[in-house]
Protein backbone atom coordinates (compact mmCIF):
# COMPACT_ATOMS: atom_id res chain seq x y z
CA MET A 1 91.86 32.91 -82.52
CA LYS A 2 95.55 34.58 -80.86
CA GLN A 3 97.81 32.66 -78.44
CA THR A 4 99.93 34.71 -76.18
CA GLN A 5 101.60 35.06 -72.56
CA PHE A 6 99.99 37.63 -69.85
CA THR A 7 100.62 38.36 -66.43
CA ILE A 8 97.93 38.15 -63.30
CA LEU A 9 97.96 41.88 -61.96
CA ARG A 10 95.11 41.45 -59.91
CA ASN A 11 93.14 38.11 -58.37
CA GLU A 12 90.56 38.69 -56.03
CA PRO A 13 87.58 36.69 -54.59
CA LEU A 14 83.94 38.66 -54.79
CA THR A 15 81.82 36.28 -52.84
CA ALA A 16 82.95 32.82 -51.51
CA GLU A 17 83.56 31.05 -54.68
CA VAL A 18 84.19 33.51 -57.13
CA TRP A 19 86.88 35.79 -58.57
CA ARG A 20 87.59 38.05 -60.26
CA MET A 21 91.05 38.07 -62.27
CA THR A 22 92.84 40.91 -64.09
CA LEU A 23 95.22 40.15 -66.26
CA GLU A 24 97.81 42.50 -68.88
CA GLY A 25 99.01 41.44 -71.93
CA ASP A 26 99.23 42.85 -75.46
CA VAL A 27 97.51 44.99 -77.30
CA ALA A 28 96.76 42.62 -80.35
CA ALA A 29 96.21 39.80 -78.05
CA VAL A 30 93.61 42.21 -76.36
CA SER A 31 92.28 44.25 -79.42
CA GLY A 32 88.98 43.80 -80.79
CA ILE A 33 87.78 40.76 -78.40
CA ARG A 34 83.84 40.81 -79.10
CA PRO A 35 81.08 40.98 -76.15
CA GLY A 36 80.71 37.08 -75.82
CA GLN A 37 83.88 35.53 -76.93
CA PHE A 38 85.69 33.46 -74.39
CA VAL A 39 89.55 33.16 -74.08
CA GLU A 40 91.33 29.51 -72.43
CA LEU A 41 94.00 29.45 -69.85
CA GLN A 42 96.64 26.84 -70.21
CA LEU A 43 97.36 25.91 -66.41
CA PRO A 44 100.18 24.31 -65.36
CA GLY A 45 99.70 20.80 -64.62
CA LEU A 46 96.38 20.49 -66.07
CA PHE A 47 96.27 19.06 -69.86
CA LEU A 48 92.98 20.64 -71.31
CA ARG A 49 92.86 24.56 -70.81
CA ARG A 50 89.91 26.29 -69.00
CA PRO A 51 87.46 28.32 -71.36
CA ILE A 52 86.29 31.30 -69.71
CA SER A 53 84.36 33.76 -71.36
CA VAL A 54 85.40 37.81 -71.14
CA CYS A 55 83.50 40.01 -68.97
CA ASP A 56 85.86 42.84 -70.62
CA ALA A 57 88.91 44.01 -72.30
CA TYR A 58 90.50 47.31 -73.53
CA ASP A 59 94.25 48.61 -74.45
CA ARG A 60 96.46 45.70 -72.50
CA LEU A 61 93.97 44.38 -69.49
CA LEU A 62 91.73 41.11 -70.20
CA ILE A 63 89.14 40.87 -66.76
CA ILE A 64 87.11 37.60 -66.75
CA ILE A 65 85.22 36.54 -63.43
CA TYR A 66 85.37 32.83 -62.76
CA LYS A 67 83.83 30.21 -60.72
CA VAL A 68 86.16 27.66 -58.31
CA VAL A 69 83.95 24.51 -59.39
CA GLY A 70 87.07 21.94 -59.77
CA LYS A 71 90.40 21.34 -60.01
CA GLY A 72 91.29 24.68 -62.37
CA THR A 73 89.75 27.11 -61.41
CA ALA A 74 91.04 26.11 -57.44
CA ALA A 75 94.43 26.61 -59.09
CA MET A 76 93.20 29.73 -60.75
CA ALA A 77 91.93 30.81 -57.02
CA ALA A 78 95.15 30.17 -55.87
CA MET A 79 97.36 31.74 -58.20
CA GLN A 80 99.00 35.26 -57.27
CA PRO A 81 99.85 38.52 -59.41
CA GLY A 82 102.82 38.56 -61.37
CA VAL A 83 102.12 34.81 -62.93
CA GLN A 84 102.04 34.19 -66.05
CA LEU A 85 99.38 32.39 -68.24
CA ASP A 86 99.51 31.38 -71.64
CA VAL A 87 96.06 32.31 -73.30
CA LEU A 88 94.31 31.90 -76.41
CA THR A 89 91.65 34.63 -77.26
CA HIS A 90 88.97 36.00 -79.52
CA LEU A 91 87.53 32.44 -79.55
CA GLY A 92 83.57 31.93 -79.90
CA ASN A 93 81.76 34.24 -82.47
CA GLY A 94 80.09 36.53 -79.63
CA TYR A 95 76.99 38.77 -79.52
CA ASP A 96 75.88 40.62 -82.70
CA LEU A 97 75.37 44.05 -81.21
CA SER A 98 73.41 45.48 -84.11
CA LEU A 99 70.06 44.11 -83.56
CA ALA A 100 70.12 45.12 -79.79
CA GLY A 101 67.17 48.07 -80.83
CA ASP A 102 67.11 51.23 -78.55
CA TYR A 103 65.41 48.79 -75.51
CA PRO A 104 67.88 45.68 -75.17
CA LEU A 105 67.36 43.18 -72.46
CA LEU A 106 70.50 41.60 -70.89
CA VAL A 107 70.25 38.14 -68.37
CA GLY A 108 72.39 36.57 -66.38
CA GLY A 109 73.02 33.66 -64.24
CA GLY A 110 75.26 33.16 -61.77
CA VAL A 111 78.28 32.75 -63.62
CA GLY A 112 76.68 34.14 -66.88
CA VAL A 113 77.08 37.91 -65.47
CA PRO A 114 80.24 38.18 -66.29
CA PRO A 115 79.34 38.44 -70.28
CA MET A 116 76.92 40.52 -69.99
CA TYR A 117 78.98 43.33 -68.49
CA MET A 118 80.85 43.93 -71.19
CA LEU A 119 78.06 43.98 -73.63
CA ALA A 120 76.24 46.30 -71.37
CA LYS A 121 79.07 48.75 -71.76
CA GLN A 122 79.03 48.84 -75.05
CA LEU A 123 75.73 49.04 -75.77
CA ARG A 124 75.68 51.94 -73.67
CA ALA A 125 78.84 53.37 -75.18
CA GLN A 126 75.97 53.96 -78.18
CA GLY A 127 73.78 55.48 -76.03
CA LYS A 128 71.24 52.51 -75.78
CA VAL A 129 68.63 52.00 -72.50
CA VAL A 130 69.98 48.58 -70.91
CA ASN A 131 67.81 46.80 -68.50
CA VAL A 132 69.52 44.43 -67.53
CA VAL A 133 68.25 41.71 -65.14
CA LEU A 134 71.00 39.58 -62.78
CA GLY A 135 69.91 36.11 -61.29
CA PHE A 136 71.60 34.07 -58.34
CA ASN A 137 70.28 31.75 -56.00
CA THR A 138 70.66 33.59 -52.73
CA GLN A 139 72.00 37.03 -51.15
CA ALA A 140 75.87 35.69 -50.70
CA GLU A 141 76.04 34.82 -54.80
CA VAL A 142 75.09 38.03 -55.65
CA PHE A 143 78.47 40.03 -57.59
CA CYS A 144 78.47 42.87 -60.33
CA GLU A 145 75.42 44.82 -59.44
CA GLU A 146 77.03 47.78 -58.67
CA ASP A 147 78.71 47.71 -61.51
CA PHE A 148 76.09 47.98 -64.10
CA ARG A 149 74.71 50.56 -62.29
CA ALA A 150 77.89 52.47 -62.83
CA LEU A 151 77.42 52.13 -66.43
CA GLY A 152 74.09 53.27 -66.28
CA CYS A 153 72.22 50.09 -66.81
CA GLU A 154 68.45 49.47 -65.62
CA VAL A 155 69.47 46.64 -62.59
CA SER A 156 67.04 43.74 -61.23
CA VAL A 157 68.48 40.85 -59.33
CA THR A 158 66.55 37.95 -57.90
CA THR A 159 67.16 35.37 -55.76
CA VAL A 160 65.71 31.73 -55.90
CA ASP A 161 65.45 32.02 -52.08
CA GLY A 162 63.97 35.80 -51.48
CA SER A 163 66.73 36.86 -49.53
CA TYR A 164 67.89 39.83 -51.73
CA GLY A 165 65.64 41.72 -54.88
CA THR A 166 62.81 39.91 -56.57
CA LYS A 167 61.85 36.55 -55.15
CA GLY A 168 62.59 34.03 -57.44
CA PHE A 169 63.75 33.38 -61.21
CA VAL A 170 64.84 36.47 -64.29
CA THR A 171 61.81 35.63 -65.76
CA ASN A 172 60.09 36.70 -62.38
CA ALA A 173 61.42 40.43 -63.31
CA LEU A 174 61.92 41.18 -67.00
CA SER A 175 61.67 43.95 -68.62
CA THR A 176 58.31 44.55 -70.23
CA CYS A 177 59.22 46.48 -72.97
CA SER A 178 62.87 45.54 -74.70
CA SER A 179 63.81 45.36 -78.58
CA TYR A 180 65.58 42.52 -78.70
CA TYR A 181 67.62 39.82 -75.75
CA TYR A 182 70.69 38.80 -74.88
CA ALA A 183 71.46 35.62 -71.80
CA CYS A 184 73.94 34.17 -70.67
CA GLY A 185 73.45 31.54 -67.97
CA PRO A 186 72.50 27.87 -66.83
CA LEU A 187 70.46 25.76 -69.27
CA PRO A 188 67.34 25.86 -67.74
CA MET A 189 67.21 29.67 -66.95
CA LEU A 190 68.12 30.21 -71.26
CA ARG A 191 65.27 27.70 -71.65
CA ALA A 192 62.86 29.43 -69.73
CA LEU A 193 63.80 32.37 -71.20
CA ALA A 194 63.09 31.35 -74.73
CA LYS A 195 59.69 29.95 -73.76
CA THR A 196 58.66 33.04 -71.83
CA VAL A 197 60.26 36.51 -74.79
CA SER A 198 57.95 36.49 -77.46
CA HIS A 199 60.94 38.16 -79.19
CA ASP A 200 63.76 36.73 -80.96
CA GLY A 201 67.47 37.41 -78.41
CA GLU A 202 70.24 35.62 -78.61
CA LEU A 203 71.60 32.56 -75.95
CA SER A 204 75.05 31.89 -74.91
CA MET A 205 75.59 28.74 -74.17
CA GLU A 206 77.97 26.30 -72.54
CA GLU A 207 79.05 22.50 -73.19
CA ARG A 208 82.27 20.67 -71.74
CA MET A 209 85.06 21.74 -74.49
CA GLY A 210 87.94 20.19 -75.51
CA CYS A 211 90.12 22.19 -78.38
CA GLY A 212 88.19 25.46 -78.02
CA PHE A 213 88.38 26.02 -81.68
CA GLY A 214 86.32 23.58 -83.46
CA ALA A 215 88.88 20.06 -84.21
CA CYS A 216 87.79 17.86 -81.73
CA MET A 217 84.07 18.29 -82.18
CA GLY A 218 83.28 17.46 -78.55
CA CYS A 219 81.15 20.40 -77.56
CA SER A 220 78.25 20.05 -81.01
CA ILE A 221 74.68 20.69 -80.17
CA GLN A 222 71.68 20.41 -81.87
CA THR A 223 70.28 23.57 -83.66
CA THR A 224 67.29 23.62 -86.57
CA ASN A 225 70.12 24.10 -88.58
CA GLY A 226 71.81 20.72 -88.03
CA PRO A 227 74.88 20.34 -85.58
CA LYS A 228 76.79 23.00 -84.62
CA ARG A 229 79.85 23.63 -82.68
CA VAL A 230 79.25 25.64 -78.90
CA CYS A 231 83.00 26.84 -79.29
CA LYS A 232 83.47 27.55 -82.55
CA ASP A 233 80.23 28.30 -84.44
CA GLY A 234 78.88 29.31 -81.34
CA PRO A 235 78.95 30.22 -77.98
CA VAL A 236 76.11 32.70 -78.85
CA PHE A 237 73.35 31.10 -80.64
CA LYS A 238 69.96 33.02 -81.97
CA ALA A 239 67.38 31.56 -79.82
CA SER A 240 65.11 30.51 -83.04
CA GLU A 241 67.84 28.54 -83.58
CA LEU A 242 68.15 26.19 -80.54
CA THR A 243 66.15 23.08 -79.78
CA PHE A 244 64.94 22.83 -76.25
């Protein structure tokens, strides 16, 4: 865990509710961040930090994508370039790229899409054939599709209402040939994936967090190996370890 000040360079809407924020900090606070890890932002006037997954991190730049769902994220959407934020980085355990095999499958649902980008970027740099499935409710909510295509990924998009891509859920567009899978999204999606895909994979879980680094125990979940803290032992867990 590293704590430092970051400066907002850009803060722009991707959809009506989803925003992308680009922050600049020192190299030490950015270097070594793994796909699937998250950061915690201290927002003015709010007691608890806000945990946000990392979309990308390189050089001095940290990129996060967030959805406006409450007081904290609404405050973030109103922030202008030049604002400084106190940020904790390198939180959580991240995905294990060594298990990917040659044909990894990446599945992101809604605001579970952002951490898949950094993972896809690093897997493509290793020469992997990356298949990405993105799930949304409707066409108006779709974001980052072209960013994945620009990496050279094979991309499928599903919408629940059928307004764009394949109608239905991510399980309606899964690749039949994959060596390992990684996913982030709402719990029903993760549960469906674990029951649908025959081989093991890694799922990023979401729980309300008090501290973000394992002290308060407020984000504990039950696993086959006993209680685990999502913020410290996760947020990434083997699918076979979770008790749905």
